N, C-alpha and C. Protein backbone atom coordinates (compact mmCIF):
# COMPACT_ATOMS: atom_id res chain seq x y z
N UNK A 1 146.37 -174.34 142.42
CA UNK A 1 145.96 -172.94 142.40
C UNK A 1 144.91 -172.99 143.42
N UNK A 2 145.28 -172.00 144.43
CA UNK A 2 144.43 -171.62 145.60
C UNK A 2 143.12 -170.77 145.32
N UNK A 3 141.80 -171.15 145.59
CA UNK A 3 140.68 -170.46 145.33
C UNK A 3 139.80 -170.25 146.56
N UNK A 4 139.38 -169.04 146.80
CA UNK A 4 138.47 -168.92 147.93
C UNK A 4 136.97 -169.54 147.78
N UNK A 5 136.12 -169.46 148.74
CA UNK A 5 134.76 -169.94 148.53
C UNK A 5 133.92 -168.98 147.65
N UNK A 6 133.08 -169.32 146.87
CA UNK A 6 132.16 -168.71 145.96
C UNK A 6 131.09 -167.79 146.74
N UNK A 7 131.09 -166.54 146.69
CA UNK A 7 130.15 -165.64 147.19
C UNK A 7 129.02 -165.10 146.18
N UNK A 8 128.04 -165.32 146.28
CA UNK A 8 126.84 -164.83 145.49
C UNK A 8 126.80 -163.39 145.79
N UNK A 9 126.86 -162.54 144.74
CA UNK A 9 126.46 -160.95 145.13
C UNK A 9 125.59 -160.45 144.15
N UNK A 10 124.93 -159.45 144.16
CA UNK A 10 124.03 -158.78 143.39
C UNK A 10 123.90 -157.46 143.63
N UNK A 11 123.39 -156.72 142.67
CA UNK A 11 123.11 -155.41 142.51
C UNK A 11 122.36 -154.91 143.94
N UNK A 12 121.55 -155.71 144.39
CA UNK A 12 120.81 -155.33 145.51
C UNK A 12 121.08 -155.78 146.83
N UNK A 13 122.12 -156.92 146.83
CA UNK A 13 122.66 -157.30 147.97
C UNK A 13 124.09 -157.89 147.61
N UNK A 14 124.99 -157.15 148.00
CA UNK A 14 126.33 -157.28 147.81
C UNK A 14 126.99 -158.13 148.74
N UNK A 15 126.37 -158.40 149.91
CA UNK A 15 127.12 -159.13 151.01
C UNK A 15 128.62 -158.83 151.01
N UNK A 16 128.69 -157.54 151.31
CA UNK A 16 129.97 -156.82 151.40
C UNK A 16 130.99 -157.40 152.55
N UNK A 17 130.15 -157.32 153.64
CA UNK A 17 130.86 -157.92 154.88
C UNK A 17 131.46 -159.38 154.65
N UNK A 18 130.50 -160.29 154.10
CA UNK A 18 130.96 -161.63 153.81
C UNK A 18 132.35 -161.53 152.81
N UNK A 19 132.20 -160.56 151.74
CA UNK A 19 133.23 -160.59 150.82
C UNK A 19 134.66 -160.12 151.49
N UNK A 20 134.53 -159.14 152.52
CA UNK A 20 135.87 -158.67 153.35
C UNK A 20 136.22 -159.62 154.23
N UNK A 21 135.14 -160.36 154.93
CA UNK A 21 135.86 -161.55 155.59
C UNK A 21 136.56 -162.37 154.79
N UNK A 22 135.96 -162.81 153.48
CA UNK A 22 136.71 -163.96 152.67
C UNK A 22 137.97 -163.54 152.23
N UNK A 23 138.01 -162.16 152.04
CA UNK A 23 139.53 -161.49 151.59
C UNK A 23 140.40 -161.49 152.81
N UNK A 24 140.08 -161.27 153.77
CA UNK A 24 140.96 -161.36 155.02
C UNK A 24 141.45 -162.64 155.39
N UNK A 25 140.27 -163.80 155.28
CA UNK A 25 140.65 -165.15 155.51
C UNK A 25 141.79 -165.71 154.24
N UNK A 26 141.24 -165.03 153.08
CA UNK A 26 142.47 -165.59 152.03
C UNK A 26 143.69 -165.19 152.34
N UNK A 27 143.86 -163.79 152.67
CA UNK A 27 144.95 -163.22 152.79
C UNK A 27 145.84 -164.11 153.82
N UNK A 28 144.91 -164.49 154.99
CA UNK A 28 145.66 -165.16 156.01
C UNK A 28 146.45 -166.40 155.57
N UNK A 29 145.54 -167.18 154.54
CA UNK A 29 145.91 -168.30 154.01
C UNK A 29 146.98 -168.20 153.38
N UNK A 30 147.03 -167.34 152.24
CA UNK A 30 148.37 -166.98 151.58
C UNK A 30 149.39 -166.31 152.15
N UNK A 31 149.21 -166.13 153.52
CA UNK A 31 150.48 -165.65 154.37
C UNK A 31 150.87 -164.38 153.72
N UNK A 32 150.12 -163.41 153.39
CA UNK A 32 150.32 -162.35 152.81
C UNK A 32 150.68 -161.18 154.12
N UNK A 33 151.54 -160.36 154.03
CA UNK A 33 151.74 -159.20 154.81
C UNK A 33 150.56 -158.39 155.24
N UNK A 34 150.57 -157.63 156.36
CA UNK A 34 149.51 -156.73 156.81
C UNK A 34 149.14 -155.82 155.63
N UNK A 35 150.25 -155.33 154.90
CA UNK A 35 149.94 -154.33 153.71
C UNK A 35 149.26 -154.99 152.59
N UNK A 36 149.78 -156.12 152.29
CA UNK A 36 149.45 -156.85 150.98
C UNK A 36 147.83 -157.24 151.41
N UNK A 37 147.58 -157.74 152.48
CA UNK A 37 146.20 -158.01 152.94
C UNK A 37 145.08 -157.09 152.79
N UNK A 38 145.72 -155.42 153.26
CA UNK A 38 144.96 -154.51 153.15
C UNK A 38 144.65 -154.19 151.48
N UNK A 39 145.66 -154.30 150.55
CA UNK A 39 145.47 -154.20 149.29
C UNK A 39 144.48 -155.29 148.76
N UNK A 40 144.63 -156.42 148.99
CA UNK A 40 143.62 -157.33 148.63
C UNK A 40 142.24 -157.07 149.12
N UNK A 41 142.13 -156.74 150.38
CA UNK A 41 140.73 -156.24 150.90
C UNK A 41 140.36 -155.00 149.99
N UNK A 42 141.03 -154.18 149.69
CA UNK A 42 140.72 -152.78 148.91
C UNK A 42 140.07 -153.36 147.36
N UNK A 43 141.00 -154.17 146.84
CA UNK A 43 140.59 -154.50 145.48
C UNK A 43 139.41 -155.36 145.50
N UNK A 44 139.20 -156.03 146.73
CA UNK A 44 137.75 -156.69 146.74
C UNK A 44 136.67 -155.70 146.70
N UNK A 45 136.88 -154.92 147.56
CA UNK A 45 135.64 -153.71 147.94
C UNK A 45 135.42 -153.18 146.64
N UNK A 46 136.46 -152.79 145.95
CA UNK A 46 136.54 -151.83 144.66
C UNK A 46 135.49 -152.74 143.61
N UNK A 47 135.88 -154.11 143.47
CA UNK A 47 135.21 -154.86 142.55
C UNK A 47 133.76 -154.85 143.00
N UNK A 48 133.45 -155.32 144.04
CA UNK A 48 131.96 -155.37 144.56
C UNK A 48 131.22 -154.03 144.61
N UNK A 49 132.15 -152.91 145.02
CA UNK A 49 131.39 -151.56 144.79
C UNK A 49 131.06 -151.29 143.32
N UNK A 50 131.57 -151.76 142.49
CA UNK A 50 131.42 -151.65 140.85
C UNK A 50 129.92 -152.28 140.73
N UNK A 51 129.80 -153.34 141.28
CA UNK A 51 128.46 -154.20 141.12
C UNK A 51 127.18 -153.23 141.82
N UNK A 52 127.39 -152.52 142.92
CA UNK A 52 126.27 -151.69 143.64
C UNK A 52 126.09 -150.76 142.37
N UNK A 53 126.93 -150.07 141.59
CA UNK A 53 126.67 -148.94 140.86
C UNK A 53 126.04 -149.47 139.39
N UNK A 54 126.12 -150.65 139.04
CA UNK A 54 125.36 -151.25 138.04
C UNK A 54 123.84 -151.14 138.17
N UNK A 55 123.08 -150.31 137.06
CA UNK A 55 121.81 -150.47 137.09
C UNK A 55 121.21 -151.67 136.71
N UNK A 56 119.97 -152.05 137.08
CA UNK A 56 119.27 -153.41 136.95
C UNK A 56 119.72 -154.24 138.15
N UNK A 57 118.93 -155.37 138.06
CA UNK A 57 119.17 -156.48 138.73
C UNK A 57 119.70 -157.66 138.19
N UNK A 58 121.03 -158.01 139.11
CA UNK A 58 121.56 -159.37 138.40
C UNK A 58 122.64 -159.80 139.41
N UNK A 59 122.80 -161.22 139.32
CA UNK A 59 123.63 -161.73 140.19
C UNK A 59 125.43 -161.82 139.70
N UNK A 60 126.07 -162.19 140.58
CA UNK A 60 127.59 -162.28 140.29
C UNK A 60 128.28 -163.26 141.06
N UNK A 61 129.08 -164.11 140.50
CA UNK A 61 129.96 -165.02 141.60
C UNK A 61 131.08 -164.16 141.94
N UNK A 62 131.52 -164.03 143.09
CA UNK A 62 132.85 -163.57 143.53
C UNK A 62 133.66 -164.32 144.37
N UNK A 63 134.95 -164.49 143.53
CA UNK A 63 135.95 -165.43 144.19
C UNK A 63 137.40 -164.63 144.20
N UNK A 64 138.27 -165.33 144.93
CA UNK A 64 139.61 -164.87 144.77
C UNK A 64 140.47 -166.19 144.55
N UNK A 65 141.35 -166.07 143.74
CA UNK A 65 142.13 -167.11 143.23
C UNK A 65 143.66 -166.74 143.46
N UNK A 66 144.41 -167.61 143.40
CA UNK A 66 146.06 -167.18 143.47
C UNK A 66 147.08 -168.43 143.05
N UNK A 67 147.94 -168.00 142.34
CA UNK A 67 149.16 -168.82 141.74
C UNK A 67 150.20 -168.33 142.68
N UNK A 68 150.95 -169.02 143.66
CA UNK A 68 151.88 -168.43 144.39
C UNK A 68 151.38 -167.22 145.01
N UNK A 69 152.02 -166.00 144.72
CA UNK A 69 151.83 -164.69 145.19
C UNK A 69 150.85 -163.81 144.45
N UNK A 70 150.81 -164.62 143.32
CA UNK A 70 149.89 -163.77 142.26
C UNK A 70 148.45 -163.94 142.53
N UNK A 71 147.72 -162.91 143.04
CA UNK A 71 146.38 -163.14 143.32
C UNK A 71 145.43 -162.59 142.23
N UNK A 72 144.11 -162.88 142.28
CA UNK A 72 143.15 -162.41 141.22
C UNK A 72 141.94 -162.17 141.80
N UNK A 73 141.32 -161.03 141.86
CA UNK A 73 139.93 -161.08 142.28
C UNK A 73 139.13 -161.17 141.23
N UNK A 74 138.12 -162.10 141.54
CA UNK A 74 137.25 -162.14 140.17
C UNK A 74 135.64 -162.13 140.29
N UNK A 75 135.15 -161.64 139.31
CA UNK A 75 133.67 -161.53 139.49
C UNK A 75 133.15 -162.17 137.82
N UNK A 76 132.32 -163.15 138.00
CA UNK A 76 131.65 -163.57 136.97
C UNK A 76 130.16 -163.78 136.73
N UNK A 77 129.38 -163.54 135.71
CA UNK A 77 128.03 -163.52 135.59
C UNK A 77 127.50 -163.90 134.33
N UNK A 78 126.37 -164.26 134.00
CA UNK A 78 126.01 -164.83 132.60
C UNK A 78 125.45 -163.38 131.80
N UNK A 79 125.96 -163.48 130.56
CA UNK A 79 125.35 -162.40 129.74
C UNK A 79 123.80 -162.24 129.56
N UNK A 80 123.31 -161.08 129.26
CA UNK A 80 121.84 -160.91 129.15
C UNK A 80 121.60 -161.02 127.64
N UNK A 81 121.02 -162.09 127.38
CA UNK A 81 120.62 -162.53 126.14
C UNK A 81 119.00 -162.43 125.95
N UNK A 82 118.27 -162.18 127.02
CA UNK A 82 116.76 -162.02 126.81
C UNK A 82 116.70 -160.32 126.30
N UNK A 83 116.10 -160.27 125.19
CA UNK A 83 115.80 -158.88 124.58
C UNK A 83 115.32 -157.94 125.27
N UNK A 84 114.08 -158.45 126.13
CA UNK A 84 113.55 -157.19 127.03
C UNK A 84 114.26 -157.09 128.25
N UNK A 85 115.28 -157.87 128.84
CA UNK A 85 116.00 -157.52 129.80
C UNK A 85 116.99 -156.87 129.35
N UNK A 86 117.49 -156.96 128.29
CA UNK A 86 118.66 -156.34 127.55
C UNK A 86 118.02 -154.68 127.36
N UNK A 87 116.82 -154.59 127.05
CA UNK A 87 116.44 -153.28 126.76
C UNK A 87 116.07 -152.72 127.98
N UNK A 88 115.92 -153.33 129.15
CA UNK A 88 115.56 -152.65 130.31
C UNK A 88 117.03 -152.33 130.87
N UNK A 89 118.15 -152.95 130.70
CA UNK A 89 119.35 -152.48 131.20
C UNK A 89 119.83 -151.20 130.38
N UNK A 90 119.39 -151.22 129.06
CA UNK A 90 119.94 -150.04 128.21
C UNK A 90 119.25 -148.81 128.73
N UNK A 91 117.92 -148.92 128.84
CA UNK A 91 117.01 -147.87 129.32
C UNK A 91 117.52 -147.38 130.58
N UNK A 92 117.88 -148.11 131.62
CA UNK A 92 118.58 -147.73 132.84
C UNK A 92 119.65 -146.96 132.62
N UNK A 93 120.67 -147.49 131.84
CA UNK A 93 122.07 -146.96 131.90
C UNK A 93 121.92 -145.56 131.04
N UNK A 94 120.86 -145.39 130.39
CA UNK A 94 120.82 -143.91 129.66
C UNK A 94 119.93 -142.84 130.60
N UNK A 95 119.06 -143.37 131.52
CA UNK A 95 118.39 -142.47 132.08
C UNK A 95 118.39 -142.60 133.74
N UNK A 96 119.07 -143.61 134.15
CA UNK A 96 119.05 -143.79 135.55
C UNK A 96 120.31 -143.62 136.48
N UNK A 97 120.56 -144.36 137.15
CA UNK A 97 121.82 -144.33 138.14
C UNK A 97 123.24 -144.89 137.40
N UNK A 98 123.09 -145.37 136.33
CA UNK A 98 124.29 -145.93 135.53
C UNK A 98 124.62 -145.10 134.52
N UNK A 99 124.11 -143.83 134.29
CA UNK A 99 124.21 -142.79 133.18
C UNK A 99 125.46 -142.44 133.04
N UNK A 100 126.21 -142.13 134.18
CA UNK A 100 127.45 -141.40 134.15
C UNK A 100 128.58 -142.33 134.49
N UNK A 101 129.77 -142.42 133.49
CA UNK A 101 130.59 -143.49 133.83
C UNK A 101 131.77 -142.40 134.10
N UNK A 102 131.73 -141.80 135.26
CA UNK A 102 132.97 -141.08 135.71
C UNK A 102 134.08 -141.81 136.65
N UNK A 103 135.29 -141.36 136.53
CA UNK A 103 136.45 -141.95 136.92
C UNK A 103 136.69 -143.23 136.34
N UNK A 104 138.14 -143.70 136.69
CA UNK A 104 138.49 -144.90 136.01
C UNK A 104 137.54 -146.22 136.26
N UNK A 105 137.15 -146.52 137.67
CA UNK A 105 136.16 -147.53 137.84
C UNK A 105 134.58 -147.28 137.43
N UNK A 106 134.29 -146.05 137.15
CA UNK A 106 133.16 -145.91 136.49
C UNK A 106 133.07 -146.26 134.89
N UNK A 107 134.28 -146.12 134.18
CA UNK A 107 134.49 -146.63 132.80
C UNK A 107 134.69 -147.97 132.86
N UNK A 108 135.18 -148.65 133.89
CA UNK A 108 135.40 -150.01 133.89
C UNK A 108 134.06 -150.47 134.21
N UNK A 109 133.17 -150.06 135.18
CA UNK A 109 131.79 -150.46 135.31
C UNK A 109 131.02 -150.49 134.12
N UNK A 110 131.13 -149.34 133.00
CA UNK A 110 130.58 -149.28 131.85
C UNK A 110 130.97 -150.33 130.97
N UNK A 111 132.12 -150.79 130.73
CA UNK A 111 132.69 -151.70 129.87
C UNK A 111 131.93 -153.00 130.31
N UNK A 112 132.16 -153.35 131.45
CA UNK A 112 131.57 -154.67 132.22
C UNK A 112 130.08 -154.66 131.84
N UNK A 113 129.43 -153.65 132.04
CA UNK A 113 127.99 -153.48 131.67
C UNK A 113 127.60 -153.72 130.33
N UNK A 114 128.42 -153.35 129.32
CA UNK A 114 128.25 -153.10 128.12
C UNK A 114 128.33 -154.80 127.37
N UNK A 115 129.32 -155.32 128.16
CA UNK A 115 129.86 -156.80 127.80
C UNK A 115 128.53 -157.64 128.27
N UNK A 116 127.79 -157.37 129.22
CA UNK A 116 126.52 -158.06 129.31
C UNK A 116 125.57 -158.17 127.92
N UNK A 117 125.63 -157.37 127.02
CA UNK A 117 124.93 -156.99 126.07
C UNK A 117 125.33 -157.75 124.86
N UNK A 118 125.80 -158.80 124.88
CA UNK A 118 126.29 -159.75 123.74
C UNK A 118 125.19 -159.90 122.70
N UNK A 119 125.48 -160.08 121.63
CA UNK A 119 126.68 -160.44 120.76
C UNK A 119 127.83 -158.98 120.29
N UNK A 120 127.02 -157.75 120.58
CA UNK A 120 127.58 -156.62 119.99
C UNK A 120 128.07 -155.81 121.24
N UNK A 121 128.66 -156.04 121.99
CA UNK A 121 129.15 -155.11 123.22
C UNK A 121 129.81 -153.87 122.76
N UNK A 122 130.73 -153.86 121.95
CA UNK A 122 131.20 -152.76 121.71
C UNK A 122 130.52 -151.86 120.70
N UNK A 123 129.34 -152.28 119.86
CA UNK A 123 128.78 -151.32 119.11
C UNK A 123 127.80 -150.45 120.04
N UNK A 124 127.61 -151.04 121.27
CA UNK A 124 126.78 -149.84 121.81
C UNK A 124 127.55 -148.93 122.81
N UNK A 125 128.70 -148.54 122.45
CA UNK A 125 129.65 -147.84 123.20
C UNK A 125 130.09 -146.66 122.06
N UNK A 126 130.10 -145.28 122.52
CA UNK A 126 130.42 -144.21 121.63
C UNK A 126 131.61 -144.45 121.17
N UNK A 127 131.95 -144.17 120.12
CA UNK A 127 133.33 -144.19 119.63
C UNK A 127 134.72 -143.70 120.23
N UNK A 128 134.28 -142.57 120.89
CA UNK A 128 135.33 -141.80 121.69
C UNK A 128 135.55 -142.60 123.08
N UNK A 129 134.57 -143.38 123.43
CA UNK A 129 134.80 -144.31 124.73
C UNK A 129 135.63 -145.50 124.34
N UNK A 130 135.50 -146.26 122.93
CA UNK A 130 136.00 -147.36 122.46
C UNK A 130 137.37 -146.94 122.54
N UNK A 131 137.81 -145.83 121.87
CA UNK A 131 139.19 -145.32 121.58
C UNK A 131 139.94 -145.13 122.79
N UNK A 132 139.01 -144.29 124.01
CA UNK A 132 139.84 -144.17 125.04
C UNK A 132 140.07 -145.26 126.16
N UNK A 133 139.04 -146.18 125.99
CA UNK A 133 139.07 -147.22 126.96
C UNK A 133 139.84 -148.62 126.20
N UNK A 134 140.45 -148.47 125.07
CA UNK A 134 141.15 -149.48 124.74
C UNK A 134 140.33 -150.74 124.29
N UNK A 135 139.26 -150.55 123.86
CA UNK A 135 138.29 -151.81 123.73
C UNK A 135 138.63 -152.65 122.53
N UNK A 136 138.39 -153.72 122.20
CA UNK A 136 139.03 -154.64 121.12
C UNK A 136 137.97 -154.31 120.07
N UNK A 137 138.75 -154.65 118.88
CA UNK A 137 138.05 -154.42 117.50
C UNK A 137 136.48 -155.11 117.65
N UNK A 138 135.22 -154.06 117.33
CA UNK A 138 134.02 -154.53 117.53
C UNK A 138 133.63 -156.02 116.67
N UNK A 139 134.55 -156.35 115.62
CA UNK A 139 134.37 -157.21 114.67
C UNK A 139 134.91 -158.63 115.59
N UNK A 140 135.79 -158.48 116.73
CA UNK A 140 136.42 -159.59 117.15
C UNK A 140 135.21 -160.08 118.43
N UNK A 141 134.49 -161.06 118.16
CA UNK A 141 133.47 -161.58 119.37
C UNK A 141 134.29 -161.97 120.52
N UNK A 142 133.86 -161.65 121.70
CA UNK A 142 134.59 -162.19 122.81
C UNK A 142 135.97 -161.77 123.18
N UNK A 143 136.17 -160.67 122.59
CA UNK A 143 137.47 -159.85 122.91
C UNK A 143 137.58 -159.61 124.52
N UNK A 144 138.67 -159.44 124.84
CA UNK A 144 139.12 -158.90 126.33
C UNK A 144 139.49 -157.70 126.30
N UNK A 145 138.87 -156.60 127.18
CA UNK A 145 139.34 -155.32 127.48
C UNK A 145 140.44 -155.46 128.66
N UNK A 146 141.30 -154.92 128.75
CA UNK A 146 142.42 -154.85 129.88
C UNK A 146 142.92 -153.55 130.08
N UNK A 147 143.28 -153.43 131.48
CA UNK A 147 143.90 -152.14 131.92
C UNK A 147 145.15 -152.01 130.92
N UNK A 148 146.00 -152.73 130.77
CA UNK A 148 147.27 -152.55 129.91
C UNK A 148 146.74 -151.93 128.52
N UNK A 149 145.80 -152.50 127.89
CA UNK A 149 145.49 -151.78 126.69
C UNK A 149 145.13 -150.47 126.77
N UNK A 150 144.42 -150.19 127.89
CA UNK A 150 143.72 -148.94 128.35
C UNK A 150 145.08 -147.97 128.54
N UNK A 151 145.79 -148.34 129.29
CA UNK A 151 147.08 -147.42 129.27
C UNK A 151 147.81 -146.99 128.26
N UNK A 152 147.87 -148.14 127.05
CA UNK A 152 148.48 -147.83 125.86
C UNK A 152 147.51 -146.70 124.99
N UNK A 153 146.35 -147.04 125.25
CA UNK A 153 145.39 -146.05 124.49
C UNK A 153 145.48 -144.64 124.98
N UNK A 154 145.86 -144.55 126.03
CA UNK A 154 145.94 -143.30 126.82
C UNK A 154 147.13 -142.48 126.26
N UNK A 155 148.24 -143.31 126.16
CA UNK A 155 149.40 -142.85 125.53
C UNK A 155 149.32 -142.28 124.04
N UNK A 156 148.62 -143.11 123.42
CA UNK A 156 148.36 -142.63 122.05
C UNK A 156 147.46 -141.60 121.67
N UNK A 157 146.82 -141.28 122.75
CA UNK A 157 145.59 -140.19 122.53
C UNK A 157 145.91 -138.69 122.69
N UNK A 158 145.13 -137.75 122.27
CA UNK A 158 145.55 -136.33 122.47
C UNK A 158 145.89 -136.02 123.87
N UNK A 159 146.46 -134.71 123.89
CA UNK A 159 147.10 -134.17 125.04
C UNK A 159 146.08 -133.86 126.07
N UNK A 160 144.87 -133.30 126.12
CA UNK A 160 144.02 -133.09 126.95
C UNK A 160 143.37 -134.23 127.62
N UNK A 161 142.84 -135.30 126.69
CA UNK A 161 142.12 -136.40 126.81
C UNK A 161 143.19 -137.42 127.62
N UNK A 162 144.60 -137.24 127.28
CA UNK A 162 145.44 -137.90 128.08
C UNK A 162 145.68 -137.67 129.48
N UNK A 163 145.83 -136.11 129.48
CA UNK A 163 145.90 -135.71 130.82
C UNK A 163 144.89 -136.06 131.82
N UNK A 164 143.61 -135.98 131.38
CA UNK A 164 142.43 -136.20 132.27
C UNK A 164 142.15 -138.03 132.54
N UNK A 165 142.52 -138.60 131.58
CA UNK A 165 142.59 -140.19 131.69
C UNK A 165 143.63 -140.44 132.84
N UNK A 166 144.83 -139.77 132.52
CA UNK A 166 145.89 -140.22 133.52
C UNK A 166 145.71 -139.93 134.99
N UNK A 167 144.82 -138.45 134.93
CA UNK A 167 144.58 -137.97 136.28
C UNK A 167 143.42 -138.91 136.89
N UNK A 168 142.33 -139.39 136.24
CA UNK A 168 141.58 -140.56 136.65
C UNK A 168 142.23 -141.79 137.00
N UNK A 169 143.24 -142.22 136.31
CA UNK A 169 143.63 -143.42 136.63
C UNK A 169 144.63 -143.45 137.89
N UNK A 170 145.42 -142.21 138.01
CA UNK A 170 146.21 -141.95 139.29
C UNK A 170 145.15 -141.97 140.59
N UNK A 171 144.09 -141.41 140.62
CA UNK A 171 143.07 -141.35 141.59
C UNK A 171 142.39 -142.71 141.99
N UNK A 172 142.56 -143.67 141.11
CA UNK A 172 141.84 -144.79 141.43
C UNK A 172 142.77 -145.86 142.06
N UNK A 173 142.05 -146.45 142.89
CA UNK A 173 142.68 -147.39 144.06
C UNK A 173 143.15 -148.65 143.10
N UNK A 174 142.13 -149.23 142.28
CA UNK A 174 142.44 -150.30 141.32
C UNK A 174 143.72 -149.73 140.50
N UNK A 175 143.46 -148.59 139.66
CA UNK A 175 144.51 -148.07 138.93
C UNK A 175 145.93 -148.15 139.44
N UNK A 176 145.86 -147.76 140.79
CA UNK A 176 147.31 -147.81 141.38
C UNK A 176 147.85 -149.08 141.97
N UNK A 177 146.94 -150.05 142.39
CA UNK A 177 147.33 -151.06 143.04
C UNK A 177 147.29 -152.33 141.99
N UNK A 178 146.49 -152.33 141.33
CA UNK A 178 146.34 -153.68 140.37
C UNK A 178 147.55 -153.60 139.18
N UNK A 179 147.93 -154.79 138.94
CA UNK A 179 148.93 -154.98 137.88
C UNK A 179 147.96 -155.24 136.68
N UNK A 180 146.81 -155.65 136.73
CA UNK A 180 146.11 -155.95 135.36
C UNK A 180 144.61 -156.07 135.68
N UNK A 181 143.92 -155.47 134.96
CA UNK A 181 142.22 -155.78 134.90
C UNK A 181 142.09 -156.47 133.75
N UNK A 182 141.05 -157.25 133.57
CA UNK A 182 140.68 -157.87 132.48
C UNK A 182 139.08 -158.11 132.38
N UNK A 183 138.70 -157.86 131.49
CA UNK A 183 137.09 -157.93 131.35
C UNK A 183 136.75 -158.69 130.00
N UNK A 184 136.27 -159.56 129.95
CA UNK A 184 135.66 -160.37 128.60
C UNK A 184 134.49 -161.22 128.68
N UNK A 185 134.30 -162.09 127.60
CA UNK A 185 133.62 -162.81 127.63
C UNK A 185 133.95 -164.28 127.37
N UNK A 186 133.57 -165.15 128.14
CA UNK A 186 133.80 -166.60 127.97
C UNK A 186 132.74 -167.51 128.08
N UNK A 187 132.33 -167.76 126.61
CA UNK A 187 131.06 -168.54 126.58
C UNK A 187 129.98 -167.49 126.67
N UNK A 188 129.15 -168.04 127.69
CA UNK A 188 127.82 -167.16 128.02
C UNK A 188 128.13 -166.44 129.17
N UNK A 189 129.49 -166.45 129.64
CA UNK A 189 129.72 -165.59 130.95
C UNK A 189 130.48 -164.25 130.69
N UNK A 190 130.19 -163.36 131.43
CA UNK A 190 131.03 -162.05 131.31
C UNK A 190 131.87 -162.21 132.62
N UNK A 191 133.34 -162.09 132.43
CA UNK A 191 134.05 -161.96 133.67
C UNK A 191 134.83 -160.74 133.84
N UNK A 192 135.14 -160.59 134.91
CA UNK A 192 136.34 -159.44 135.24
C UNK A 192 137.08 -159.98 136.16
N UNK A 193 138.53 -159.78 135.92
CA UNK A 193 139.69 -160.17 136.76
C UNK A 193 140.55 -159.05 137.33
N UNK A 194 140.81 -158.80 138.65
CA UNK A 194 141.62 -157.84 138.77
C UNK A 194 142.99 -158.37 139.35
N UNK A 195 144.15 -158.45 138.98
CA UNK A 195 145.39 -159.24 139.29
C UNK A 195 146.28 -158.43 139.84
N UNK A 196 146.77 -158.96 140.95
CA UNK A 196 147.90 -158.22 141.53
C UNK A 196 148.98 -159.25 142.05
N UNK A 197 150.52 -159.09 141.77
CA UNK A 197 151.35 -160.14 142.45
C UNK A 197 151.85 -159.66 143.37
N UNK A 198 151.63 -160.05 144.39
CA UNK A 198 152.47 -159.68 145.64
C UNK A 198 153.75 -160.04 145.64
N UNK A 199 154.28 -159.20 146.82
CA UNK A 199 156.04 -159.50 146.95
C UNK A 199 157.02 -159.09 146.21
N UNK A 200 156.37 -158.20 145.37
CA UNK A 200 157.59 -157.63 144.19
C UNK A 200 157.59 -155.96 144.59
N UNK A 201 156.76 -155.27 145.12
CA UNK A 201 157.06 -153.96 145.47
C UNK A 201 156.51 -153.65 146.94
N UNK A 202 156.18 -154.58 147.79
CA UNK A 202 155.74 -154.51 149.14
C UNK A 202 156.91 -154.11 150.11
């Protein structure tokens, strides 16, 4: 497996230029076409952009990995276990810049943020959001949210919500480019992986 260098990013300093340079370098290393390299760059930019929009101050590790031409843009950070820090994040999420989860990546950001609040991430999300986002059963600790589950949940939902959700998904760079997005908990770490297998539809 090929892996890029790890870049420390935070909600206050995303190191976006360093991330984009690393995405370009990784694309060259993997011998991706110009179009594939652009898509990898866009997925990296969207992942980092999500971090910018999360209220509160935290750090995450950014990497890109690949097996063959299957690439994965990865973010990983530690869960918020300190009760004061948890309450601070929750207060910001309900009254600050993280209040609205508009659009597909806004919803992904919301799921990622809620997963920081273990051990009960799903219980802090409204029931309709759980349904529409295809979140795992609240009783399953450490469950993984995925784009494929989200697409399935859209298909099973009512007509207006289904139409609105598909509209959001189709307008999303990640929704259109990525084959899969996974968000979950691995030990004390919250992770997000945006996966794309190049060479199939390029």
